[in-house]
Amino acid sequence: MFAVIRTGGKQYRVAAEDVLQVAKVKGDPGEIIQFGDVLVVGGDNVTLGVPTVAGASVAAEVLEQGRGPKIIAFKKRRRKNSRRKRGHRQEFTLVRVTEILTDGAKPTKTARPKSEARPKPAPETAAEPAEDDAEATPARAPRAKAKPKAAKKPAKAPARKPEKKKSGGKGKKK
């Protein structure tokens, strides 16, 4: 089964498990979004929309929010000493189509749970811990010894260029 959707002023032919890059759409990575502008639903029998198919939508999972390559817009007006250089990076959303829905159905797949950021342990203070704390916490293992540094190689003398024959000028060869 396939569908043709419209988003960001462009049309895309999609099928389940397709990964595509569309113009920026709101959504965090792992979230499920729906595209409601479905122009065609195909498969065994094709349904054309006028202008869209009623009750059809496409569910997709947001994989990444990113920015495209830098485009340089350089404008120069000759003989006027006028130049402008501007850079631009177009924002995009990378999505994976999870399913094509018809008849007003809701997406069956849900967003993946976000992994909670683990809190970093608080840095220890410079003061020594109390004796009671020292017994409760295990002592740190001693650090491994650093590798001995290799001896430096003696510096080479710079190479000499061969001397050129000096000629008497630009004159003719004899």
N, C-alpha and C. Protein backbone atom coordinates (compact mmCIF):
# COMPACT_ATOMS: atom_id res chain seq x y z
N MET A 1 0.85 -1.18 0.00
CA MET A 1 0.00 0.00 0.00
C MET A 1 0.90 1.23 0.00
N PHE A 2 0.50 2.25 -0.76
CA PHE A 2 1.26 3.49 -0.81
C PHE A 2 0.30 4.66 -0.71
N ALA A 3 0.87 5.84 -0.50
CA ALA A 3 0.07 7.07 -0.43
C ALA A 3 0.92 8.21 -0.96
N VAL A 4 0.24 9.26 -1.43
CA VAL A 4 0.91 10.49 -1.83
C VAL A 4 0.46 11.55 -0.84
N ILE A 5 1.42 12.13 -0.12
CA ILE A 5 1.09 13.15 0.87
C ILE A 5 1.66 14.49 0.45
N ARG A 6 1.10 15.57 1.03
CA ARG A 6 1.59 16.91 0.75
C ARG A 6 1.99 17.53 2.08
N THR A 7 3.23 18.00 2.14
CA THR A 7 3.72 18.71 3.32
C THR A 7 4.84 19.66 2.90
N GLY A 8 4.86 20.83 3.45
CA GLY A 8 5.91 21.80 3.15
C GLY A 8 5.89 22.26 1.71
N GLY A 9 4.72 22.23 1.05
CA GLY A 9 4.62 22.68 -0.33
C GLY A 9 5.12 21.67 -1.35
N LYS A 10 5.42 20.45 -0.91
CA LYS A 10 5.90 19.41 -1.81
C LYS A 10 5.05 18.16 -1.64
N GLN A 11 5.11 17.28 -2.60
CA GLN A 11 4.37 16.03 -2.55
C GLN A 11 5.35 14.86 -2.51
N TYR A 12 5.02 13.85 -1.70
CA TYR A 12 5.89 12.69 -1.52
C TYR A 12 5.07 11.42 -1.68
N ARG A 13 5.61 10.44 -2.41
CA ARG A 13 5.00 9.12 -2.50
C ARG A 13 5.64 8.28 -1.42
N VAL A 14 4.84 7.75 -0.49
CA VAL A 14 5.37 7.03 0.66
C VAL A 14 4.72 5.67 0.79
N ALA A 15 5.42 4.77 1.43
CA ALA A 15 4.93 3.45 1.80
C ALA A 15 5.38 3.20 3.24
N ALA A 16 4.88 2.14 3.84
CA ALA A 16 5.25 1.83 5.22
C ALA A 16 6.76 1.59 5.30
N GLU A 17 7.37 2.06 6.38
CA GLU A 17 8.80 1.93 6.68
C GLU A 17 9.70 2.76 5.77
N ASP A 18 9.16 3.68 4.99
CA ASP A 18 9.98 4.60 4.20
C ASP A 18 10.57 5.67 5.12
N VAL A 19 11.81 6.06 4.85
CA VAL A 19 12.44 7.15 5.59
C VAL A 19 12.59 8.30 4.61
N LEU A 20 12.06 9.48 4.99
CA LEU A 20 12.17 10.62 4.09
C LEU A 20 12.46 11.89 4.86
N GLN A 21 13.03 12.83 4.13
CA GLN A 21 13.42 14.12 4.70
C GLN A 21 12.44 15.16 4.18
N VAL A 22 11.68 15.76 5.11
CA VAL A 22 10.67 16.75 4.73
C VAL A 22 11.03 18.09 5.36
N ALA A 23 10.36 19.15 4.91
CA ALA A 23 10.57 20.47 5.51
C ALA A 23 10.21 20.39 6.99
N LYS A 24 10.78 21.25 7.79
CA LYS A 24 10.65 21.18 9.25
C LYS A 24 9.19 21.06 9.69
N VAL A 25 8.95 20.06 10.55
CA VAL A 25 7.64 19.82 11.15
C VAL A 25 7.85 19.74 12.65
N LYS A 26 6.92 20.27 13.43
CA LYS A 26 7.06 20.23 14.88
C LYS A 26 7.01 18.79 15.37
N GLY A 27 7.88 18.47 16.32
CA GLY A 27 7.91 17.14 16.90
C GLY A 27 9.30 16.81 17.38
N ASP A 28 9.36 16.11 18.51
CA ASP A 28 10.64 15.68 19.06
C ASP A 28 11.00 14.31 18.51
N PRO A 29 12.28 13.96 18.47
CA PRO A 29 12.65 12.62 18.00
C PRO A 29 11.98 11.53 18.84
N GLY A 30 11.42 10.53 18.15
CA GLY A 30 10.70 9.45 18.82
C GLY A 30 9.21 9.68 18.88
N GLU A 31 8.76 10.87 18.57
CA GLU A 31 7.34 11.22 18.64
C GLU A 31 6.64 10.80 17.34
N ILE A 32 5.34 10.45 17.42
CA ILE A 32 4.55 10.08 16.25
C ILE A 32 3.77 11.32 15.78
N ILE A 33 3.90 11.65 14.49
CA ILE A 33 3.14 12.77 13.92
C ILE A 33 2.25 12.23 12.81
N GLN A 34 1.22 13.00 12.45
CA GLN A 34 0.31 12.59 11.39
C GLN A 34 0.29 13.63 10.29
N PHE A 35 0.30 13.15 9.04
CA PHE A 35 0.14 14.00 7.88
C PHE A 35 -1.29 13.80 7.38
N GLY A 36 -2.08 14.89 7.38
CA GLY A 36 -3.49 14.79 7.02
C GLY A 36 -3.79 15.04 5.56
N ASP A 37 -2.87 15.72 4.85
CA ASP A 37 -3.09 16.01 3.42
C ASP A 37 -2.67 14.81 2.59
N VAL A 38 -3.58 13.83 2.43
CA VAL A 38 -3.31 12.64 1.63
C VAL A 38 -4.03 12.83 0.30
N LEU A 39 -3.29 12.86 -0.80
CA LEU A 39 -3.86 13.11 -2.11
C LEU A 39 -4.30 11.83 -2.81
N VAL A 40 -3.55 10.75 -2.61
CA VAL A 40 -3.86 9.47 -3.26
C VAL A 40 -3.55 8.35 -2.28
N VAL A 41 -4.43 7.35 -2.22
CA VAL A 41 -4.14 6.12 -1.49
C VAL A 41 -4.21 5.00 -2.50
N GLY A 42 -3.12 4.23 -2.61
CA GLY A 42 -3.06 3.17 -3.62
C GLY A 42 -2.79 1.83 -3.00
N GLY A 43 -2.93 0.83 -3.80
CA GLY A 43 -2.73 -0.55 -3.38
C GLY A 43 -3.50 -1.42 -4.34
N ASP A 44 -4.43 -2.28 -3.82
CA ASP A 44 -5.29 -3.10 -4.68
C ASP A 44 -6.23 -2.21 -5.48
N ASN A 45 -6.85 -1.25 -4.80
CA ASN A 45 -7.70 -0.28 -5.50
C ASN A 45 -7.21 1.12 -5.15
N VAL A 46 -7.14 1.99 -6.13
CA VAL A 46 -6.60 3.34 -5.96
C VAL A 46 -7.73 4.30 -5.65
N THR A 47 -7.52 5.14 -4.62
CA THR A 47 -8.49 6.17 -4.25
C THR A 47 -7.86 7.52 -4.49
N LEU A 48 -8.46 8.31 -5.37
CA LEU A 48 -7.97 9.66 -5.65
C LEU A 48 -8.76 10.65 -4.81
N GLY A 49 -8.06 11.65 -4.29
CA GLY A 49 -8.72 12.67 -3.49
C GLY A 49 -9.16 13.84 -4.33
N VAL A 50 -10.19 14.53 -3.84
CA VAL A 50 -10.69 15.73 -4.55
C VAL A 50 -10.81 16.85 -3.52
N PRO A 51 -9.85 17.61 -3.15
CA PRO A 51 -8.42 17.49 -3.46
C PRO A 51 -7.71 16.48 -2.55
N THR A 52 -8.29 16.11 -1.39
CA THR A 52 -7.65 15.12 -0.52
C THR A 52 -8.61 13.97 -0.27
N VAL A 53 -8.06 12.85 0.16
CA VAL A 53 -8.87 11.68 0.48
C VAL A 53 -9.46 11.88 1.87
N ALA A 54 -10.79 11.80 1.98
CA ALA A 54 -11.47 12.03 3.27
C ALA A 54 -11.15 10.88 4.23
N GLY A 55 -10.75 11.24 5.46
CA GLY A 55 -10.50 10.25 6.50
C GLY A 55 -9.16 9.54 6.40
N ALA A 56 -8.34 9.88 5.44
CA ALA A 56 -7.04 9.22 5.30
C ALA A 56 -5.94 10.08 5.91
N SER A 57 -4.96 9.42 6.50
CA SER A 57 -3.80 10.13 7.03
C SER A 57 -2.61 9.17 7.04
N VAL A 58 -1.44 9.72 7.22
CA VAL A 58 -0.21 8.93 7.27
C VAL A 58 0.46 9.22 8.60
N ALA A 59 0.76 8.16 9.36
CA ALA A 59 1.46 8.31 10.65
C ALA A 59 2.94 8.07 10.42
N ALA A 60 3.76 8.91 11.05
CA ALA A 60 5.22 8.80 10.89
C ALA A 60 5.90 9.11 12.21
N GLU A 61 7.04 8.48 12.40
CA GLU A 61 7.84 8.71 13.60
C GLU A 61 8.97 9.67 13.27
N VAL A 62 9.15 10.69 14.10
CA VAL A 62 10.23 11.65 13.90
C VAL A 62 11.54 10.99 14.33
N LEU A 63 12.49 10.95 13.40
CA LEU A 63 13.80 10.37 13.71
C LEU A 63 14.80 11.44 14.14
N GLU A 64 14.75 12.60 13.46
CA GLU A 64 15.77 13.62 13.72
C GLU A 64 15.27 14.97 13.23
N GLN A 65 15.65 16.02 13.95
CA GLN A 65 15.46 17.39 13.49
C GLN A 65 16.85 17.88 13.13
N GLY A 66 17.04 18.38 11.92
CA GLY A 66 18.39 18.78 11.52
C GLY A 66 18.39 19.95 10.58
N ARG A 67 19.58 20.28 10.11
CA ARG A 67 19.77 21.38 9.16
C ARG A 67 20.59 20.87 7.99
N GLY A 68 20.23 21.30 6.80
CA GLY A 68 20.90 20.87 5.58
C GLY A 68 22.24 21.54 5.41
N PRO A 69 22.88 21.31 4.27
CA PRO A 69 24.19 21.92 4.02
C PRO A 69 24.07 23.42 3.82
N LYS A 70 25.17 24.11 4.05
CA LYS A 70 25.16 25.57 3.92
C LYS A 70 25.17 25.97 2.45
N ILE A 71 24.26 26.87 2.11
CA ILE A 71 24.18 27.42 0.76
C ILE A 71 24.65 28.87 0.84
N ILE A 72 25.58 29.24 -0.02
CA ILE A 72 26.11 30.60 -0.03
C ILE A 72 25.37 31.40 -1.10
N ALA A 73 24.76 32.52 -0.71
CA ALA A 73 24.11 33.42 -1.67
C ALA A 73 25.03 34.63 -1.81
N PHE A 74 25.76 34.70 -2.91
CA PHE A 74 26.71 35.78 -3.13
C PHE A 74 26.17 36.68 -4.25
N LYS A 75 26.04 37.96 -3.94
CA LYS A 75 25.54 38.91 -4.93
C LYS A 75 26.60 39.98 -5.16
N LYS A 76 26.86 40.28 -6.42
CA LYS A 76 27.86 41.29 -6.75
C LYS A 76 27.31 42.18 -7.85
N ARG A 77 27.46 43.45 -7.65
CA ARG A 77 27.07 44.42 -8.68
C ARG A 77 28.37 44.98 -9.25
N ARG A 78 28.66 44.64 -10.49
CA ARG A 78 29.95 45.00 -11.06
C ARG A 78 30.11 46.51 -11.19
N ARG A 79 31.33 46.92 -11.03
CA ARG A 79 31.74 48.33 -11.13
C ARG A 79 31.08 49.22 -10.08
N LYS A 80 30.44 48.67 -9.08
CA LYS A 80 29.78 49.48 -8.04
C LYS A 80 30.43 49.27 -6.66
N ASN A 81 31.40 48.37 -6.58
CA ASN A 81 32.04 48.03 -5.31
C ASN A 81 30.99 47.57 -4.29
N SER A 82 30.05 46.76 -4.76
CA SER A 82 28.97 46.29 -3.90
C SER A 82 28.94 44.77 -3.94
N ARG A 83 29.13 44.17 -2.76
CA ARG A 83 29.10 42.72 -2.65
C ARG A 83 28.36 42.32 -1.38
N ARG A 84 27.58 41.24 -1.46
CA ARG A 84 26.88 40.71 -0.29
C ARG A 84 27.06 39.21 -0.27
N LYS A 85 27.43 38.67 0.88
CA LYS A 85 27.60 37.23 1.02
C LYS A 85 26.76 36.78 2.21
N ARG A 86 25.80 35.91 1.93
CA ARG A 86 24.92 35.40 2.99
C ARG A 86 24.91 33.88 2.93
N GLY A 87 24.90 33.26 4.08
CA GLY A 87 24.80 31.80 4.15
C GLY A 87 23.42 31.42 4.64
N HIS A 88 22.96 30.23 4.24
CA HIS A 88 21.65 29.74 4.67
C HIS A 88 21.71 28.23 4.82
N ARG A 89 21.10 27.72 5.90
CA ARG A 89 20.95 26.28 6.11
C ARG A 89 19.48 25.99 6.32
N GLN A 90 18.90 25.21 5.44
CA GLN A 90 17.47 24.88 5.51
C GLN A 90 17.24 23.82 6.58
N GLU A 91 16.24 24.05 7.43
CA GLU A 91 15.92 23.07 8.47
C GLU A 91 15.04 21.97 7.90
N PHE A 92 15.24 20.74 8.38
CA PHE A 92 14.45 19.62 7.90
C PHE A 92 14.12 18.68 9.04
N THR A 93 13.17 17.78 8.79
CA THR A 93 12.80 16.74 9.74
C THR A 93 12.93 15.41 9.02
N LEU A 94 13.63 14.48 9.64
CA LEU A 94 13.78 13.14 9.09
C LEU A 94 12.72 12.26 9.74
N VAL A 95 11.83 11.65 8.94
CA VAL A 95 10.74 10.85 9.48
C VAL A 95 10.74 9.45 8.86
N ARG A 96 10.20 8.50 9.62
CA ARG A 96 9.99 7.14 9.12
C ARG A 96 8.49 6.89 9.14
N VAL A 97 7.92 6.55 7.98
CA VAL A 97 6.49 6.30 7.88
C VAL A 97 6.19 4.99 8.60
N THR A 98 5.29 5.04 9.58
CA THR A 98 4.95 3.82 10.32
C THR A 98 3.75 3.12 9.72
N GLU A 99 2.70 3.88 9.34
CA GLU A 99 1.52 3.25 8.75
C GLU A 99 0.69 4.26 7.97
N ILE A 100 -0.10 3.72 7.03
CA ILE A 100 -1.02 4.53 6.24
C ILE A 100 -2.42 4.22 6.74
N LEU A 101 -3.13 5.23 7.20
CA LEU A 101 -4.44 5.04 7.84
C LEU A 101 -5.55 5.51 6.91
N THR A 102 -6.66 4.78 6.90
CA THR A 102 -7.83 5.18 6.13
C THR A 102 -9.06 5.16 7.04
N ASP A 103 -10.15 5.74 6.59
CA ASP A 103 -11.43 5.77 7.31
C ASP A 103 -11.31 6.38 8.70
N GLY A 104 -10.48 7.39 8.87
CA GLY A 104 -10.38 8.12 10.14
C GLY A 104 -9.77 7.32 11.27
N ALA A 105 -9.00 6.27 10.99
CA ALA A 105 -8.39 5.44 12.03
C ALA A 105 -7.27 6.20 12.74
N LYS A 106 -7.04 5.82 13.97
CA LYS A 106 -5.97 6.42 14.77
C LYS A 106 -4.71 5.56 14.64
N PRO A 107 -3.52 6.15 14.83
CA PRO A 107 -2.29 5.35 14.74
C PRO A 107 -2.24 4.30 15.85
N THR A 108 -1.86 3.08 15.50
CA THR A 108 -1.79 2.01 16.50
C THR A 108 -0.45 2.02 17.21
N LYS A 109 0.60 2.42 16.52
CA LYS A 109 1.92 2.47 17.13
C LYS A 109 2.05 3.77 17.90
N THR A 110 2.66 3.69 19.09
CA THR A 110 2.83 4.89 19.92
C THR A 110 4.29 5.29 19.93
N ALA A 111 4.52 6.48 20.43
CA ALA A 111 5.89 7.00 20.50
C ALA A 111 6.70 6.18 21.49
N ARG A 112 7.96 6.04 21.19
CA ARG A 112 8.85 5.34 22.10
C ARG A 112 9.05 6.17 23.36
N PRO A 113 9.15 5.53 24.52
CA PRO A 113 9.39 6.32 25.73
C PRO A 113 10.78 6.95 25.68
N LYS A 114 10.84 8.20 26.13
CA LYS A 114 12.12 8.90 26.12
C LYS A 114 12.99 8.37 27.25
N SER A 115 14.27 8.22 26.97
CA SER A 115 15.18 7.76 28.01
C SER A 115 15.49 8.95 28.91
N GLU A 116 15.32 8.73 30.19
CA GLU A 116 15.55 9.79 31.17
C GLU A 116 17.05 10.05 31.28
N ALA A 117 17.42 11.31 31.35
CA ALA A 117 18.83 11.66 31.51
C ALA A 117 19.22 11.36 32.94
N ARG A 118 20.28 10.59 33.10
CA ARG A 118 20.72 10.23 34.44
C ARG A 118 21.45 11.42 35.06
N PRO A 119 21.14 11.73 36.34
CA PRO A 119 21.84 12.85 36.97
C PRO A 119 23.30 12.51 37.19
N LYS A 120 24.14 13.49 36.96
CA LYS A 120 25.58 13.29 37.15
C LYS A 120 25.89 13.34 38.64
N PRO A 121 26.85 12.53 39.09
CA PRO A 121 27.20 12.58 40.50
C PRO A 121 27.86 13.92 40.84
N ALA A 122 27.57 14.41 42.04
CA ALA A 122 28.13 15.69 42.47
C ALA A 122 29.64 15.55 42.63
N PRO A 123 30.41 16.56 42.21
CA PRO A 123 31.87 16.47 42.36
C PRO A 123 32.24 16.53 43.83
N GLU A 124 33.28 15.77 44.18
CA GLU A 124 33.72 15.74 45.57
C GLU A 124 34.46 17.03 45.89
N THR A 125 34.35 17.44 47.14
CA THR A 125 35.05 18.65 47.58
C THR A 125 36.51 18.33 47.85
N ALA A 126 37.33 19.35 47.94
CA ALA A 126 38.76 19.17 48.15
C ALA A 126 39.05 18.68 49.57
N ALA A 127 38.17 18.97 50.50
CA ALA A 127 38.39 18.56 51.89
C ALA A 127 38.27 17.04 52.00
N GLU A 128 39.01 16.46 52.93
CA GLU A 128 38.95 15.01 53.15
C GLU A 128 37.61 14.66 53.78
N PRO A 129 37.01 13.53 53.39
CA PRO A 129 35.76 13.12 54.02
C PRO A 129 36.00 12.71 55.46
N ALA A 130 34.95 12.75 56.24
CA ALA A 130 35.05 12.37 57.65
C ALA A 130 35.44 10.90 57.74
N GLU A 131 35.98 10.48 58.93
CA GLU A 131 36.44 9.11 59.08
C GLU A 131 35.30 8.12 58.95
N ASP A 132 34.09 8.50 59.39
CA ASP A 132 32.95 7.60 59.29
C ASP A 132 32.62 7.34 57.81
N ASP A 133 32.70 8.39 56.99
CA ASP A 133 32.41 8.24 55.57
C ASP A 133 33.49 7.42 54.88
N ALA A 134 34.73 7.51 55.35
CA ALA A 134 35.84 6.80 54.73
C ALA A 134 35.64 5.30 54.87
N GLU A 135 35.10 4.86 56.00
CA GLU A 135 34.89 3.44 56.21
C GLU A 135 33.73 2.94 55.36
N ALA A 136 32.71 3.77 55.18
CA ALA A 136 31.52 3.34 54.46
C ALA A 136 31.77 3.26 52.95
N THR A 137 32.57 4.17 52.40
CA THR A 137 32.81 4.16 50.97
C THR A 137 34.13 3.44 50.67
N PRO A 138 34.18 2.65 49.61
CA PRO A 138 35.44 1.96 49.29
C PRO A 138 36.48 2.96 48.79
N ALA A 139 37.73 2.63 49.05
CA ALA A 139 38.83 3.51 48.63
C ALA A 139 38.99 3.40 47.12
N ARG A 140 39.43 4.49 46.52
CA ARG A 140 39.65 4.49 45.08
C ARG A 140 40.87 3.64 44.74
N ALA A 141 40.80 3.00 43.61
CA ALA A 141 41.93 2.21 43.15
C ALA A 141 43.02 3.17 42.67
N PRO A 142 44.28 2.82 42.88
CA PRO A 142 45.34 3.72 42.41
C PRO A 142 45.34 3.77 40.88
N ARG A 143 45.72 4.90 40.37
CA ARG A 143 45.75 5.09 38.92
C ARG A 143 46.86 4.25 38.30
N ALA A 144 46.66 3.84 37.09
CA ALA A 144 47.68 3.10 36.36
C ALA A 144 48.82 4.05 36.02
N LYS A 145 50.03 3.51 36.01
CA LYS A 145 51.18 4.35 35.72
C LYS A 145 51.15 4.78 34.27
N ALA A 146 51.56 6.01 34.04
CA ALA A 146 51.61 6.53 32.68
C ALA A 146 52.78 5.89 31.94
N LYS A 147 52.63 5.72 30.64
CA LYS A 147 53.69 5.15 29.82
C LYS A 147 54.86 6.12 29.77
N PRO A 148 56.08 5.60 29.81
CA PRO A 148 57.22 6.52 29.71
C PRO A 148 57.26 7.14 28.31
N LYS A 149 57.64 8.39 28.29
CA LYS A 149 57.70 9.09 27.01
C LYS A 149 58.89 8.60 26.21
N ALA A 150 58.69 8.47 24.91
CA ALA A 150 59.76 8.03 24.03
C ALA A 150 60.78 9.16 23.89
N ALA A 151 62.04 8.77 23.74
CA ALA A 151 63.09 9.77 23.58
C ALA A 151 62.90 10.49 22.25
N LYS A 152 63.19 11.79 22.27
CA LYS A 152 63.03 12.57 21.05
C LYS A 152 64.12 12.23 20.05
N LYS A 153 63.75 12.19 18.78
CA LYS A 153 64.72 11.94 17.73
C LYS A 153 65.51 13.21 17.47
N PRO A 154 66.78 13.09 17.14
CA PRO A 154 67.55 14.31 16.87
C PRO A 154 67.00 15.00 15.62
N ALA A 155 66.99 16.31 15.66
CA ALA A 155 66.46 17.08 14.54
C ALA A 155 67.37 16.94 13.34
N LYS A 156 66.77 16.80 12.16
CA LYS A 156 67.55 16.69 10.93
C LYS A 156 67.95 18.07 10.45
N ALA A 157 69.09 18.13 9.83
CA ALA A 157 69.53 19.40 9.25
C ALA A 157 68.70 19.65 8.00
N PRO A 158 68.34 20.90 7.73
CA PRO A 158 67.53 21.17 6.55
C PRO A 158 68.29 20.80 5.27
N ALA A 159 67.56 20.29 4.30
CA ALA A 159 68.17 19.87 3.05
C ALA A 159 68.66 21.09 2.28
N ARG A 160 69.82 20.93 1.61
CA ARG A 160 70.37 22.05 0.86
C ARG A 160 69.94 21.94 -0.59
N LYS A 161 69.65 23.07 -1.15
CA LYS A 161 69.29 23.10 -2.57
C LYS A 161 70.57 23.14 -3.39
N PRO A 162 70.56 22.44 -4.54
CA PRO A 162 71.76 22.48 -5.39
C PRO A 162 71.94 23.90 -5.96
N GLU A 163 73.19 24.27 -6.08
CA GLU A 163 73.47 25.61 -6.58
C GLU A 163 73.17 25.70 -8.06
N LYS A 164 72.62 26.83 -8.48
CA LYS A 164 72.31 27.05 -9.88
C LYS A 164 73.49 27.77 -10.53
N LYS A 165 73.68 27.46 -11.82
CA LYS A 165 74.73 28.15 -12.56
C LYS A 165 74.25 29.56 -12.85
N LYS A 166 75.13 30.47 -12.66
CA LYS A 166 74.76 31.86 -12.91
C LYS A 166 75.06 32.18 -14.35
N SER A 167 74.06 32.74 -15.00
CA SER A 167 74.25 33.09 -16.41
C SER A 167 74.53 34.60 -16.50
N GLY A 168 74.94 34.99 -17.63
CA GLY A 168 75.28 36.38 -17.84
C GLY A 168 74.07 37.27 -18.10
N GLY A 169 72.89 36.73 -18.16
CA GLY A 169 71.71 37.56 -18.43
C GLY A 169 70.76 36.82 -19.34
N LYS A 170 69.91 37.60 -20.02
CA LYS A 170 68.89 36.99 -20.87
C LYS A 170 69.38 36.75 -22.28
N GLY A 171 70.60 36.91 -22.51
CA GLY A 171 71.13 36.83 -23.88
C GLY A 171 71.00 35.48 -24.50
N LYS A 172 71.49 35.37 -25.73
CA LYS A 172 71.44 34.13 -26.47
C LYS A 172 72.41 33.13 -25.89
N LYS A 173 72.08 31.85 -26.11
CA LYS A 173 73.00 30.80 -25.67
C LYS A 173 74.14 30.71 -26.64
N LYS A 174 75.33 30.43 -26.15
CA LYS A 174 76.51 30.37 -27.02
C LYS A 174 76.78 28.97 -27.50
